[in-house]
Structure formats: structure tokens, C-alpha cells
């Protein structure tokens, strides 16, 4: 039996499809994932990505936000940090941008070294 609903925006009635008419894609995807398909595993020795300027800011400010707001939830900490970051001037963001640029350079250097090491291993 199809369920009849009314779309509040268009004021039209719709009949939802019966379970028999629904496609069964979710069940087939689950079987494929269980069969061994899926994402390639990350190499634990691969270099870690560089942090963004915001992440340097958030890591530095997280404890002060928790001290200023005892009992604050995890999600609320993120929201307060985001608001503080948005309110920060270009001059205030500058030290974090420099840290992010240095970390990006570190990542690129480590990645080049890692890729060179990986291609050497393939030849042997």
C-alpha cells in the first residue's frame, strides 16, 4: 500500500513507491564491499599532510576556549573557534599562515623523499 503525502511547497499530493518498486542498490553495494572491493589502504609510512592556518590557530586556541567555557560540548568548541577565526584580522592570521606555509613545504619535501624512496624499491 502506497503512502500518500502532501508536498507543502507545491501543495501537490504524492504517492510514495511501494517497497517492491524500490531499487535494491543498497543491498548490492554491501555485497560488493564484503567481497573485497573498496579503497586502497594508506601506507602508514607515508608523510602526513600539512596543517592549514586555521588548524594551527584551532590547536593553539582550543584550551583557552575550554577554560573560558567550562562544560562546552565538542561541537560548540568548533563553532566558537570558527567564529574567532572569522573575526581575526589579516594581521592576526599572518603567523598562522606562515606556520601553514612552512608545514606545506615540510610535507612537499617529505613526499618527494617518500616517492623517490618508493621508486627505488620498485626497481630492486
PDB file of N, CA and C in Angstrom:
ATOM      1  N   UNK A   1       0.852  -1.171   0.000  1.00  0.00           N
ATOM      2  CA  UNK A   1       0.000   0.000   0.000  1.00  0.00           C
ATOM      3  C   UNK A   1       0.894   1.230   0.000  1.00  0.00           C
ATOM      4  N   UNK A   2       0.692   2.114  -0.948  1.00  0.00           N
ATOM      5  CA  UNK A   2       1.499   3.316  -1.074  1.00  0.00           C
ATOM      6  C   UNK A   2       1.013   4.380  -0.096  1.00  0.00           C
ATOM      7  N   UNK A   3       1.937   5.074   0.495  1.00  0.00           N
ATOM      8  CA  UNK A   3       1.614   6.146   1.432  1.00  0.00           C
ATOM      9  C   UNK A   3       1.436   7.444   0.650  1.00  0.00           C
ATOM     10  N   UNK A   4       0.384   8.193   0.930  1.00  0.00           N
ATOM     11  CA  UNK A   4       0.108   9.441   0.227  1.00  0.00           C
ATOM     12  C   UNK A   4       0.535  10.601   1.116  1.00  0.00           C
ATOM     13  N   UNK A   5       1.375  11.507   0.560  1.00  0.00           N
ATOM     14  CA  UNK A   5       1.841  12.667   1.310  1.00  0.00           C
ATOM     15  C   UNK A   5       1.558  13.924   0.513  1.00  0.00           C
ATOM     16  N   UNK A   6       1.573  15.057   1.200  1.00  0.00           N
ATOM     17  CA  UNK A   6       1.361  16.345   0.546  1.00  0.00           C
ATOM     18  C   UNK A   6       2.641  17.146   0.632  1.00  0.00           C
ATOM     19  N   UNK A   7       3.123  17.637  -0.510  1.00  0.00           N
ATOM     20  CA  UNK A   7       4.299  18.483  -0.549  1.00  0.00           C
ATOM     21  C   UNK A   7       3.867  19.886  -0.150  1.00  0.00           C
ATOM     22  N   UNK A   8       4.399  20.403   0.952  1.00  0.00           N
ATOM     23  CA  UNK A   8       3.965  21.695   1.475  1.00  0.00           C
ATOM     24  C   UNK A   8       4.323  22.857   0.564  1.00  0.00           C
ATOM     25  N   UNK A   9       5.408  22.766  -0.176  1.00  0.00           N
ATOM     26  CA  UNK A   9       5.831  23.854  -1.055  1.00  0.00           C
ATOM     27  C   UNK A   9       4.935  23.958  -2.286  1.00  0.00           C
ATOM     28  N   UNK A  10       4.641  22.829  -2.915  1.00  0.00           N
ATOM     29  CA  UNK A  10       3.870  22.858  -4.162  1.00  0.00           C
ATOM     30  C   UNK A  10       2.413  22.502  -3.951  1.00  0.00           C
ATOM     31  N   UNK A  11       2.014  22.108  -2.750  1.00  0.00           N
ATOM     32  CA  UNK A  11       0.640  21.740  -2.408  1.00  0.00           C
ATOM     33  C   UNK A  11       0.109  20.616  -3.292  1.00  0.00           C
ATOM     34  N   UNK A  12       0.981  19.697  -3.683  1.00  0.00           N
ATOM     35  CA  UNK A  12       0.586  18.561  -4.502  1.00  0.00           C
ATOM     36  C   UNK A  12       0.691  17.292  -3.676  1.00  0.00           C
ATOM     37  N   UNK A  13      -0.181  16.350  -3.957  1.00  0.00           N
ATOM     38  CA  UNK A  13      -0.123  15.072  -3.256  1.00  0.00           C
ATOM     39  C   UNK A  13       0.722  14.099  -4.063  1.00  0.00           C
ATOM     40  N   UNK A  14       1.469  13.281  -3.341  1.00  0.00           N
ATOM     41  CA  UNK A  14       2.342  12.296  -3.973  1.00  0.00           C
ATOM     42  C   UNK A  14       2.112  10.951  -3.315  1.00  0.00           C
ATOM     43  N   UNK A  15       2.247   9.918  -4.074  1.00  0.00           N
ATOM     44  CA  UNK A  15       2.187   8.568  -3.529  1.00  0.00           C
ATOM     45  C   UNK A  15       3.604   8.032  -3.509  1.00  0.00           C
ATOM     46  N   UNK A  16       4.074   7.651  -2.329  1.00  0.00           N
ATOM     47  CA  UNK A  16       5.427   7.097  -2.246  1.00  0.00           C
ATOM     48  C   UNK A  16       5.424   5.703  -2.856  1.00  0.00           C
ATOM     49  N   UNK A  17       6.542   5.283  -3.445  1.00  0.00           N
ATOM     50  CA  UNK A  17       6.587   3.964  -4.084  1.00  0.00           C
ATOM     51  C   UNK A  17       6.471   2.849  -3.066  1.00  0.00           C
ATOM     52  N   UNK A  18       5.925   1.760  -3.491  1.00  0.00           N
ATOM     53  CA  UNK A  18       5.818   0.593  -2.619  1.00  0.00           C
ATOM     54  C   UNK A  18       7.204  -0.023  -2.456  1.00  0.00           C
ATOM     55  N   UNK A  19       7.425  -0.768  -1.399  1.00  0.00           N
ATOM     56  CA  UNK A  19       8.745  -1.380  -1.192  1.00  0.00           C
ATOM     57  C   UNK A  19       9.178  -2.265  -2.353  1.00  0.00           C
ATOM     58  N   UNK A  20       8.226  -2.888  -3.043  1.00  0.00           N
ATOM     59  CA  UNK A  20       8.566  -3.746  -4.172  1.00  0.00           C
ATOM     60  C   UNK A  20       9.096  -2.940  -5.353  1.00  0.00           C
ATOM     61  N   UNK A  21       8.656  -1.684  -5.481  1.00  0.00           N
ATOM     62  CA  UNK A  21       9.073  -0.846  -6.602  1.00  0.00           C
ATOM     63  C   UNK A  21      10.404  -0.147  -6.341  1.00  0.00           C
ATOM     64  N   UNK A  22      10.886  -0.183  -5.126  1.00  0.00           N
ATOM     65  CA  UNK A  22      12.133   0.499  -4.767  1.00  0.00           C
ATOM     66  C   UNK A  22      13.331  -0.288  -5.312  1.00  0.00           C
ATOM     67  N   UNK A  23      14.348   0.407  -5.810  1.00  0.00           N
ATOM     68  CA  UNK A  23      15.542  -0.307  -6.284  1.00  0.00           C
ATOM     69  C   UNK A  23      16.313  -0.901  -5.114  1.00  0.00           C
ATOM     70  N   UNK A  24      17.022  -1.945  -5.361  1.00  0.00           N
ATOM     71  CA  UNK A  24      17.754  -2.644  -4.310  1.00  0.00           C
ATOM     72  C   UNK A  24      19.248  -2.394  -4.399  1.00  0.00           C
ATOM     73  N   UNK A  25      19.631  -1.158  -4.594  1.00  0.00           N
ATOM     74  CA  UNK A  25      21.046  -0.840  -4.761  1.00  0.00           C
ATOM     75  C   UNK A  25      21.823  -0.964  -3.462  1.00  0.00           C
ATOM     76  N   UNK A  26      21.210  -0.661  -2.324  1.00  0.00           N
ATOM     77  CA  UNK A  26      21.929  -0.705  -1.053  1.00  0.00           C
ATOM     78  C   UNK A  26      22.401  -2.120  -0.743  1.00  0.00           C
ATOM     79  N   UNK A  27      21.588  -3.113  -1.028  1.00  0.00           N
ATOM     80  CA  UNK A  27      21.955  -4.493  -0.733  1.00  0.00           C
ATOM     81  C   UNK A  27      23.102  -4.949  -1.627  1.00  0.00           C
ATOM     82  N   UNK A  28      23.097  -4.549  -2.888  1.00  0.00           N
ATOM     83  CA  UNK A  28      24.155  -4.982  -3.786  1.00  0.00           C
ATOM     84  C   UNK A  28      25.477  -4.298  -3.444  1.00  0.00           C
ATOM     85  N   UNK A  29      25.429  -3.042  -3.016  1.00  0.00           N
ATOM     86  CA  UNK A  29      26.664  -2.350  -2.635  1.00  0.00           C
ATOM     87  C   UNK A  29      27.307  -3.028  -1.428  1.00  0.00           C
ATOM     88  N   UNK A  30      26.499  -3.446  -0.488  1.00  0.00           N
ATOM     89  CA  UNK A  30      27.017  -4.109   0.708  1.00  0.00           C
ATOM     90  C   UNK A  30      27.711  -5.406   0.335  1.00  0.00           C
ATOM     91  N   UNK A  31      27.128  -6.165  -0.585  1.00  0.00           N
ATOM     92  CA  UNK A  31      27.732  -7.433  -1.001  1.00  0.00           C
ATOM     93  C   UNK A  31      29.056  -7.195  -1.714  1.00  0.00           C
ATOM     94  N   UNK A  32      29.137  -6.137  -2.541  1.00  0.00           N
ATOM     95  CA  UNK A  32      30.383  -5.851  -3.253  1.00  0.00           C
ATOM     96  C   UNK A  32      31.492  -5.470  -2.279  1.00  0.00           C
ATOM     97  N   UNK A  33      31.165  -4.651  -1.270  1.00  0.00           N
ATOM     98  CA  UNK A  33      32.165  -4.236  -0.294  1.00  0.00           C
ATOM     99  C   UNK A  33      32.664  -5.445   0.498  1.00  0.00           C
ATOM    100  N   UNK A  34      31.763  -6.371   0.812  1.00  0.00           N
ATOM    101  CA  UNK A  34      32.147  -7.561   1.569  1.00  0.00           C
ATOM    102  C   UNK A  34      32.995  -8.506   0.723  1.00  0.00           C
ATOM    103  N   UNK A  35      32.862  -8.437  -0.604  1.00  0.00           N
ATOM    104  CA  UNK A  35      33.589  -9.336  -1.480  1.00  0.00           C
ATOM    105  C   UNK A  35      35.057  -8.946  -1.649  1.00  0.00           C
ATOM    106  N   UNK A  36      35.456  -7.793  -1.132  1.00  0.00           N
ATOM    107  CA  UNK A  36      36.868  -7.433  -1.203  1.00  0.00           C
ATOM    108  C   UNK A  36      37.129  -6.186  -2.023  1.00  0.00           C
ATOM    109  N   UNK A  37      36.133  -5.609  -2.649  1.00  0.00           N
ATOM    110  CA  UNK A  37      36.318  -4.360  -3.378  1.00  0.00           C
ATOM    111  C   UNK A  37      36.444  -3.225  -2.377  1.00  0.00           C
ATOM    112  N   UNK A  38      36.816  -2.054  -2.858  1.00  0.00           N
ATOM    113  CA  UNK A  38      36.867  -0.923  -1.945  1.00  0.00           C
ATOM    114  C   UNK A  38      38.115  -0.090  -2.134  1.00  0.00           C
ATOM    115  N   UNK A  39      38.392   0.740  -1.143  1.00  0.00           N
ATOM    116  CA  UNK A  39      39.507   1.666  -1.230  1.00  0.00           C
ATOM    117  C   UNK A  39      40.843   0.964  -0.996  1.00  0.00           C
ATOM    118  N   UNK A  40      41.883   1.575  -1.569  1.00  0.00           N
ATOM    119  CA  UNK A  40      43.233   1.096  -1.359  1.00  0.00           C
ATOM    120  C   UNK A  40      43.690   1.536   0.040  1.00  0.00           C
ATOM    121  N   UNK A  41      44.385   0.691   0.745  1.00  0.00           N
ATOM    122  CA  UNK A  41      44.863   1.016   2.090  1.00  0.00           C
ATOM    123  C   UNK A  41      45.972   2.061   2.012  1.00  0.00           C
ATOM    124  N   UNK A  42      45.964   3.009   2.982  1.00  0.00           N
ATOM    125  CA  UNK A  42      47.009   4.016   3.034  1.00  0.00           C
ATOM    126  C   UNK A  42      48.275   3.415   3.623  1.00  0.00           C
ATOM    127  N   UNK A  43      49.398   3.868   3.125  1.00  0.00           N
ATOM    128  CA  UNK A  43      50.684   3.436   3.651  1.00  0.00           C
ATOM    129  C   UNK A  43      50.932   4.165   4.971  1.00  0.00           C
ATOM    130  N   UNK A  44      51.135   3.445   6.069  1.00  0.00           N
ATOM    131  CA  UNK A  44      51.371   4.123   7.356  1.00  0.00           C
ATOM    132  C   UNK A  44      52.689   4.899   7.384  1.00  0.00           C
ATOM    133  N   UNK A  45      53.597   4.593   6.449  1.00  0.00           N
ATOM    134  CA  UNK A  45      54.878   5.305   6.398  1.00  0.00           C
ATOM    135  C   UNK A  45      54.816   6.572   5.555  1.00  0.00           C
ATOM    136  N   UNK A  46      53.694   6.809   4.884  1.00  0.00           N
ATOM    137  CA  UNK A  46      53.550   7.997   4.037  1.00  0.00           C
ATOM    138  C   UNK A  46      53.562   9.253   4.909  1.00  0.00           C
ATOM    139  N   UNK A  47      54.097  10.360   4.396  1.00  0.00           N
ATOM    140  CA  UNK A  47      54.146  11.591   5.200  1.00  0.00           C
ATOM    141  C   UNK A  47      52.748  12.142   5.459  1.00  0.00           C
ATOM    142  N   UNK A  48      52.590  12.779   6.616  1.00  0.00           N
ATOM    143  CA  UNK A  48      51.305  13.380   6.984  1.00  0.00           C
ATOM    144  C   UNK A  48      51.132  14.696   6.242  1.00  0.00           C
ATOM    145  N   UNK A  49      49.893  15.008   5.840  1.00  0.00           N
ATOM    146  CA  UNK A  49      49.601  16.248   5.139  1.00  0.00           C
ATOM    147  C   UNK A  49      49.892  17.446   6.036  1.00  0.00           C
ATOM    148  N   UNK A  50      50.177  18.583   5.395  1.00  0.00           N
ATOM    149  CA  UNK A  50      50.425  19.813   6.136  1.00  0.00           C
ATOM    150  C   UNK A  50      49.137  20.358   6.708  1.00  0.00           C
ATOM    151  N   UNK A  51      49.225  20.999   7.875  1.00  0.00           N
ATOM    152  CA  UNK A  51      48.055  21.590   8.500  1.00  0.00           C
ATOM    153  C   UNK A  51      47.759  22.952   7.878  1.00  0.00           C
ATOM    154  N   UNK A  52      46.491  23.325   7.873  1.00  0.00           N
ATOM    155  CA  UNK A  52      46.095  24.642   7.375  1.00  0.00           C
ATOM    156  C   UNK A  52      46.335  25.682   8.461  1.00  0.00           C
ATOM    157  N   UNK A  53      46.268  26.951   8.063  1.00  0.00           N
ATOM    158  CA  UNK A  53      46.441  28.044   9.021  1.00  0.00           C
ATOM    159  C   UNK A  53      45.371  27.958  10.108  1.00  0.00           C
ATOM    160  N   UNK A  54      44.149  27.639   9.705  1.00  0.00           N
ATOM    161  CA  UNK A  54      43.067  27.514  10.682  1.00  0.00           C
ATOM    162  C   UNK A  54      43.365  26.412  11.700  1.00  0.00           C
ATOM    163  N   UNK A  55      43.922  25.294  11.258  1.00  0.00           N
ATOM    164  CA  UNK A  55      44.205  24.198  12.187  1.00  0.00           C
ATOM    165  C   UNK A  55      45.291  24.583  13.189  1.00  0.00           C
ATOM    166  N   UNK A  56      46.296  25.332  12.752  1.00  0.00           N
ATOM    167  CA  UNK A  56      47.302  25.828  13.706  1.00  0.00           C
ATOM    168  C   UNK A  56      46.639  26.734  14.732  1.00  0.00           C
ATOM    169  N   UNK A  57      45.752  27.622  14.268  1.00  0.00           N
ATOM    170  CA  UNK A  57      45.017  28.523  15.157  1.00  0.00           C
ATOM    171  C   UNK A  57      44.160  27.728  16.132  1.00  0.00           C
ATOM    172  N   UNK A  58      43.406  26.760  15.610  1.00  0.00           N
ATOM    173  CA  UNK A  58      42.495  25.980  16.449  1.00  0.00           C
ATOM    174  C   UNK A  58      43.254  25.175  17.503  1.00  0.00           C
ATOM    175  N   UNK A  59      44.365  24.565  17.117  1.00  0.00           N
ATOM    176  CA  UNK A  59      45.156  23.791  18.080  1.00  0.00           C
ATOM    177  C   UNK A  59      45.691  24.676  19.196  1.00  0.00           C
ATOM    178  N   UNK A  60      46.050  25.902  18.848  1.00  0.00           N
ATOM    179  CA  UNK A  60      46.597  26.832  19.837  1.00  0.00           C
ATOM    180  C   UNK A  60      45.511  27.393  20.757  1.00  0.00           C
ATOM    181  N   UNK A  61      44.324  27.632  20.230  1.00  0.00           N
ATOM    182  CA  UNK A  61      43.266  28.301  20.982  1.00  0.00           C
ATOM    183  C   UNK A  61      42.286  27.364  21.683  1.00  0.00           C
ATOM    184  N   UNK A  62      42.308  26.086  21.363  1.00  0.00           N
ATOM    185  CA  UNK A  62      41.300  25.153  21.876  1.00  0.00           C
ATOM    186  C   UNK A  62      41.236  25.127  23.398  1.00  0.00           C
ATOM    187  N   UNK A  63      42.378  25.076  24.053  1.00  0.00           N
ATOM    188  CA  UNK A  63      42.383  25.011  25.523  1.00  0.00           C
ATOM    189  C   UNK A  63      41.825  26.283  26.150  1.00  0.00           C
ATOM    190  N   UNK A  64      42.163  27.450  25.583  1.00  0.00           N
ATOM    191  CA  UNK A  64      41.642  28.701  26.148  1.00  0.00           C
ATOM    192  C   UNK A  64      40.122  28.776  25.987  1.00  0.00           C
ATOM    193  N   UNK A  65      39.602  28.267  24.877  1.00  0.00           N
ATOM    194  CA  UNK A  65      38.145  28.254  24.675  1.00  0.00           C
ATOM    195  C   UNK A  65      37.497  27.348  25.711  1.00  0.00           C
ATOM    196  N   UNK A  66      38.098  26.210  25.992  1.00  0.00           N
ATOM    197  CA  UNK A  66      37.546  25.294  27.001  1.00  0.00           C
ATOM    198  C   UNK A  66      37.609  25.899  28.398  1.00  0.00           C
ATOM    199  N   UNK A  67      38.690  26.635  28.692  1.00  0.00           N
ATOM    200  CA  UNK A  67      38.812  27.282  30.006  1.00  0.00           C
ATOM    201  C   UNK A  67      37.782  28.402  30.154  1.00  0.00           C
ATOM    202  N   UNK A  68      37.548  29.159  29.094  1.00  0.00           N
ATOM    203  CA  UNK A  68      36.581  30.257  29.139  1.00  0.00           C
ATOM    204  C   UNK A  68      35.146  29.744  29.203  1.00  0.00           C
ATOM    205  N   UNK A  69      34.889  28.553  28.669  1.00  0.00           N
ATOM    206  CA  UNK A  69      33.545  27.977  28.612  1.00  0.00           C
ATOM    207  C   UNK A  69      33.550  26.572  29.195  1.00  0.00           C
ATOM    208  N   UNK A  70      33.581  26.428  30.526  1.00  0.00           N
ATOM    209  CA  UNK A  70      33.598  25.079  31.100  1.00  0.00           C
ATOM    210  C   UNK A  70      32.314  24.317  30.766  1.00  0.00           C
ATOM    211  N   UNK A  71      32.467  23.042  30.463  1.00  0.00           N
ATOM    212  CA  UNK A  71      31.310  22.203  30.147  1.00  0.00           C
ATOM    213  C   UNK A  71      30.823  22.346  28.718  1.00  0.00           C
ATOM    214  N   UNK A  72      31.572  23.028  27.884  1.00  0.00           N
ATOM    215  CA  UNK A  72      31.171  23.226  26.482  1.00  0.00           C
ATOM    216  C   UNK A  72      31.332  21.912  25.717  1.00  0.00           C
ATOM    217  N   UNK A  73      30.408  21.656  24.792  1.00  0.00           N
ATOM    218  CA  UNK A  73      30.467  20.402  24.039  1.00  0.00           C
ATOM    219  C   UNK A  73      31.517  20.504  22.931  1.00  0.00           C
ATOM    220  N   UNK A  74      31.855  19.346  22.379  1.00  0.00           N
ATOM    221  CA  UNK A  74      32.863  19.271  21.322  1.00  0.00           C
ATOM    222  C   UNK A  74      32.458  20.129  20.122  1.00  0.00           C
ATOM    223  N   UNK A  75      31.219  20.003  19.699  1.00  0.00           N
ATOM    224  CA  UNK A  75      30.727  20.762  18.549  1.00  0.00           C
ATOM    225  C   UNK A  75      30.732  22.253  18.800  1.00  0.00           C
ATOM    226  N   UNK A  76      30.386  22.640  20.019  1.00  0.00           N
ATOM    227  CA  UNK A  76      30.374  24.065  20.360  1.00  0.00           C
ATOM    228  C   UNK A  76      31.786  24.646  20.383  1.00  0.00           C
ATOM    229  N   UNK A  77      32.775  23.854  20.790  1.00  0.00           N
ATOM    230  CA  UNK A  77      34.170  24.323  20.757  1.00  0.00           C
ATOM    231  C   UNK A  77      34.545  24.668  19.323  1.00  0.00           C
ATOM    232  N   UNK A  78      34.199  23.804  18.390  1.00  0.00           N
ATOM    233  CA  UNK A  78      34.487  24.053  16.985  1.00  0.00           C
ATOM    234  C   UNK A  78      33.792  25.294  16.470  1.00  0.00           C
ATOM    235  N   UNK A  79      32.572  25.488  16.901  1.00  0.00           N
ATOM    236  CA  UNK A  79      31.811  26.663  16.461  1.00  0.00           C
ATOM    237  C   UNK A  79      32.447  27.948  16.986  1.00  0.00           C
ATOM    238  N   UNK A  80      32.843  27.957  18.258  1.00  0.00           N
ATOM    239  CA  UNK A  80      33.478  29.142  18.847  1.00  0.00           C
ATOM    240  C   UNK A  80      34.809  29.422  18.154  1.00  0.00           C
ATOM    241  N   UNK A  81      35.590  28.364  17.902  1.00  0.00           N
ATOM    242  CA  UNK A  81      36.868  28.538  17.211  1.00  0.00           C
ATOM    243  C   UNK A  81      36.661  29.101  15.808  1.00  0.00           C
ATOM    244  N   UNK A  82      35.655  28.605  15.103  1.00  0.00           N
ATOM    245  CA  UNK A  82      35.351  29.107  13.767  1.00  0.00           C
ATOM    246  C   UNK A  82      34.973  30.575  13.792  1.00  0.00           C
ATOM    247  N   UNK A  83      34.166  30.969  14.771  1.00  0.00           N
ATOM    248  CA  UNK A  83      33.769  32.372  14.887  1.00  0.00           C
ATOM    249  C   UNK A  83      34.973  33.257  15.198  1.00  0.00           C
ATOM    250  N   UNK A  84      35.858  32.773  16.080  1.00  0.00           N
ATOM    251  CA  UNK A  84      37.067  33.551  16.403  1.00  0.00           C
ATOM    252  C   UNK A  84      37.961  33.701  15.172  1.00  0.00           C
ATOM    253  N   UNK A  85      38.083  32.632  14.383  1.00  0.00           N
ATOM    254  CA  UNK A  85      38.914  32.670  13.178  1.00  0.00           C
ATOM    255  C   UNK A  85      38.349  33.668  12.172  1.00  0.00           C
ATOM    256  N   UNK A  86      37.033  33.662  11.997  1.00  0.00           N
ATOM    257  CA  UNK A  86      36.402  34.601  11.069  1.00  0.00           C
ATOM    258  C   UNK A  86      36.600  36.044  11.514  1.00  0.00           C
ATOM    259  N   UNK A  87      36.604  36.270  12.825  1.00  0.00           N
ATOM    260  CA  UNK A  87      36.754  37.625  13.351  1.00  0.00           C
ATOM    261  C   UNK A  87      38.203  38.093  13.340  1.00  0.00           C
ATOM    262  N   UNK A  88      39.149  37.188  13.135  1.00  0.00           N
ATOM    263  CA  UNK A  88      40.566  37.526  13.172  1.00  0.00           C
ATOM    264  C   UNK A  88      40.956  38.346  11.940  1.00  0.00           C
ATOM    265  N   UNK A  89      41.745  39.392  12.153  1.00  0.00           N
ATOM    266  CA  UNK A  89      42.176  40.248  11.042  1.00  0.00           C
ATOM    267  C   UNK A  89      43.272  39.558  10.242  1.00  0.00           C
ATOM    268  N   UNK A  90      43.591  40.121   9.074  1.00  0.00           N
ATOM    269  CA  UNK A  90      44.676  39.577   8.240  1.00  0.00           C
ATOM    270  C   UNK A  90      45.987  39.578   9.017  1.00  0.00           C
ATOM    271  N   UNK A  91      46.215  40.640   9.768  1.00  0.00           N
ATOM    272  CA  UNK A  91      47.450  40.734  10.558  1.00  0.00           C
ATOM    273  C   UNK A  91      47.479  39.660  11.652  1.00  0.00           C
ATOM    274  N   UNK A  92      46.327  39.376  12.229  1.00  0.00           N
ATOM    275  CA  UNK A  92      46.238  38.335  13.259  1.00  0.00           C
ATOM    276  C   UNK A  92      46.426  36.939  12.692  1.00  0.00           C
ATOM    277  N   UNK A  93      46.042  36.758  11.425  1.00  0.00           N
ATOM    278  CA  UNK A  93      46.176  35.444  10.784  1.00  0.00           C
ATOM    279  C   UNK A  93      47.586  35.189  10.267  1.00  0.00           C
ATOM    280  N   UNK A  94      48.353  36.237  10.114  1.00  0.00           N
ATOM    281  CA  UNK A  94      49.669  36.134   9.474  1.00  0.00           C
ATOM    282  C   UNK A  94      50.581  35.070  10.090  1.00  0.00           C
ATOM    283  N   UNK A  95      50.738  35.013  11.432  1.00  0.00           N
ATOM    284  CA  UNK A  95      51.645  33.980  11.983  1.00  0.00           C
ATOM    285  C   UNK A  95      51.168  32.551  11.671  1.00  0.00           C
ATOM    286  N   UNK A  96      49.860  32.354  11.631  1.00  0.00           N
ATOM    287  CA  UNK A  96      49.327  31.029  11.335  1.00  0.00           C
ATOM    288  C   UNK A  96      49.522  30.687   9.861  1.00  0.00           C
ATOM    289  N   UNK A  97      49.407  31.691   8.996  1.00  0.00           N
ATOM    290  CA  UNK A  97      49.645  31.484   7.561  1.00  0.00           C
ATOM    291  C   UNK A  97      51.110  31.094   7.330  1.00  0.00           C
ATOM    292  N   UNK A  98      52.022  31.726   8.069  1.00  0.00           N
ATOM    293  CA  UNK A  98      53.449  31.393   7.943  1.00  0.00           C
ATOM    294  C   UNK A  98      53.714  29.965   8.401  1.00  0.00           C
ATOM    295  N   UNK A  99      53.096  29.581   9.510  1.00  0.00           N
ATOM    296  CA  UNK A  99      53.257  28.204  10.002  1.00  0.00           C
ATOM    297  C   UNK A  99      52.720  27.206   8.982  1.00  0.00           C
ATOM    298  N   UNK A 100      51.574  27.539   8.377  1.00  0.00           N
ATOM    299  CA  UNK A 100      50.964  26.643   7.384  1.00  0.00           C
ATOM    300  C   UNK A 100      51.854  26.519   6.153  1.00  0.00           C
ATOM    301  N   UNK A 101      52.448  27.635   5.717  1.00  0.00           N
ATOM    302  CA  UNK A 101      53.337  27.595   4.550  1.00  0.00           C
ATOM    303  C   UNK A 101      54.566  26.736   4.844  1.00  0.00           C
ATOM    304  N   UNK A 102      55.121  26.889   6.056  1.00  0.00           N
ATOM    305  CA  UNK A 102      56.285  26.088   6.438  1.00  0.00           C
ATOM    306  C   UNK A 102      55.917  24.604   6.510  1.00  0.00           C
ATOM    307  N   UNK A 103      54.729  24.297   7.030  1.00  0.00           N
ATOM    308  CA  UNK A 103      54.297  22.902   7.135  1.00  0.00           C
ATOM    309  C   UNK A 103      54.016  22.317   5.758  1.00  0.00           C
ATOM    310  N   UNK A 104      53.501  23.129   4.852  1.00  0.00           N
ATOM    311  CA  UNK A 104      53.260  22.667   3.481  1.00  0.00           C
ATOM    312  C   UNK A 104      54.586  22.330   2.813  1.00  0.00           C
ATOM    313  N   UNK A 105      55.600  23.165   3.018  1.00  0.00           N
ATOM    314  CA  UNK A 105      56.930  22.921   2.464  1.00  0.00           C
ATOM    315  C   UNK A 105      57.498  21.622   3.037  1.00  0.00           C
ATOM    316  N   UNK A 106      57.340  21.438   4.361  1.00  0.00           N
ATOM    317  CA  UNK A 106      57.808  20.208   5.004  1.00  0.00           C
ATOM    318  C   UNK A 106      57.148  18.996   4.359  1.00  0.00           C
ATOM    319  N   UNK A 107      55.835  19.071   4.146  1.00  0.00           N
ATOM    320  CA  UNK A 107      55.102  17.949   3.554  1.00  0.00           C
ATOM    321  C   UNK A 107      55.593  17.666   2.139  1.00  0.00           C
ATOM    322  N   UNK A 108      55.777  18.710   1.341  1.00  0.00           N
ATOM    323  CA  UNK A 108      56.225  18.510  -0.039  1.00  0.00           C
ATOM    324  C   UNK A 108      57.609  17.881  -0.087  1.00  0.00           C
ATOM    325  N   UNK A 109      58.505  18.322   0.809  1.00  0.00           N
ATOM    326  CA  UNK A 109      59.851  17.737   0.878  1.00  0.00           C
ATOM    327  C   UNK A 109      59.789  16.263   1.278  1.00  0.00           C
ATOM    328  N   UNK A 110      58.999  15.973   2.318  1.00  0.00           N
ATOM    329  CA  UNK A 110      58.878  14.590   2.782  1.00  0.00           C
ATOM    330  C   UNK A 110      58.225  13.706   1.724  1.00  0.00           C
ATOM    331  N   UNK A 111      57.237  14.258   1.014  1.00  0.00           N
ATOM    332  CA  UNK A 111      56.554  13.489  -0.015  1.00  0.00           C
ATOM    333  C   UNK A 111      57.494  13.175  -1.179  1.00  0.00           C
ATOM    334  N   UNK A 112      58.323  14.160  -1.577  1.00  0.00           N
ATOM    335  CA  UNK A 112      59.276  13.930  -2.657  1.00  0.00           C
ATOM    336  C   UNK A 112      60.278  12.842  -2.249  1.00  0.00           C
ATOM    337  N   UNK A 113      60.742  12.917  -1.007  1.00  0.00           N
ATOM    338  CA  UNK A 113      61.680  11.916  -0.491  1.00  0.00           C
ATOM    339  C   UNK A 113      61.001  10.540  -0.427  1.00  0.00           C
ATOM    340  N   UNK A 114      59.755  10.505   0.013  1.00  0.00           N
ATOM    341  CA  UNK A 114      58.996   9.255   0.114  1.00  0.00           C
ATOM    342  C   UNK A 114      58.777   8.642  -1.262  1.00  0.00           C
ATOM    343  N   UNK A 115      58.395   9.483  -2.243  1.00  0.00           N
ATOM    344  CA  UNK A 115      58.150   8.981  -3.607  1.00  0.00           C
ATOM    345  C   UNK A 115      59.442   8.484  -4.251  1.00  0.00           C
ATOM    346  N   UNK A 116      60.561   9.183  -3.999  1.00  0.00           N
ATOM    347  CA  UNK A 116      61.845   8.747  -4.537  1.00  0.00           C
ATOM    348  C   UNK A 116      62.246   7.400  -3.923  1.00  0.00           C
ATOM    349  N   UNK A 117      61.993   7.249  -2.646  1.00  0.00           N
ATOM    350  CA  UNK A 117      62.304   6.006  -1.953  1.00  0.00           C
ATOM    351  C   UNK A 117      61.427   4.881  -2.504  1.00  0.00           C
ATOM    352  N   UNK A 118      60.153   5.173  -2.776  1.00  0.00           N
ATOM    353  CA  UNK A 118      59.224   4.166  -3.306  1.00  0.00           C
ATOM    354  C   UNK A 118      59.619   3.707  -4.693  1.00  0.00           C
ATOM    355  N   UNK A 119      60.110   4.622  -5.549  1.00  0.00           N
ATOM    356  CA  UNK A 119      60.507   4.225  -6.900  1.00  0.00           C
ATOM    357  C   UNK A 119      61.796   3.429  -6.874  1.00  0.00           C
ATOM    358  N   UNK A 120      62.680   3.672  -5.889  1.00  0.00           N
ATOM    359  CA  UNK A 120      63.890   2.884  -5.749  1.00  0.00           C
ATOM    360  C   UNK A 120      63.558   1.453  -5.354  1.00  0.00           C
ATOM    361  N   UNK A 121      62.550   1.294  -4.478  1.00  0.00           N
ATOM    362  CA  UNK A 121      62.151  -0.039  -4.041  1.00  0.00           C
ATOM    363  C   UNK A 121      61.554  -0.840  -5.196  1.00  0.00           C
ATOM    364  N   UNK A 122      60.876  -0.172  -6.141  1.00  0.00           N
ATOM    365  CA  UNK A 122      60.256  -0.862  -7.262  1.00  0.00           C
ATOM    366  C   UNK A 122      61.303  -1.454  -8.196  1.00  0.00           C
ATOM    367  N   UNK A 123      62.461  -0.787  -8.322  1.00  0.00           N
ATOM    368  CA  UNK A 123      63.498  -1.256  -9.240  1.00  0.00           C
ATOM    369  C   UNK A 123      64.209  -2.486  -8.736  1.00  0.00           C
ATOM    370  N   UNK A 124      64.260  -2.688  -7.439  1.00  0.00           N
ATOM    371  CA  UNK A 124      65.012  -3.828  -6.878  1.00  0.00           C
ATOM    372  C   UNK A 124      64.272  -5.118  -6.951  1.00  0.00           C
TER     373      UNK A 124
END
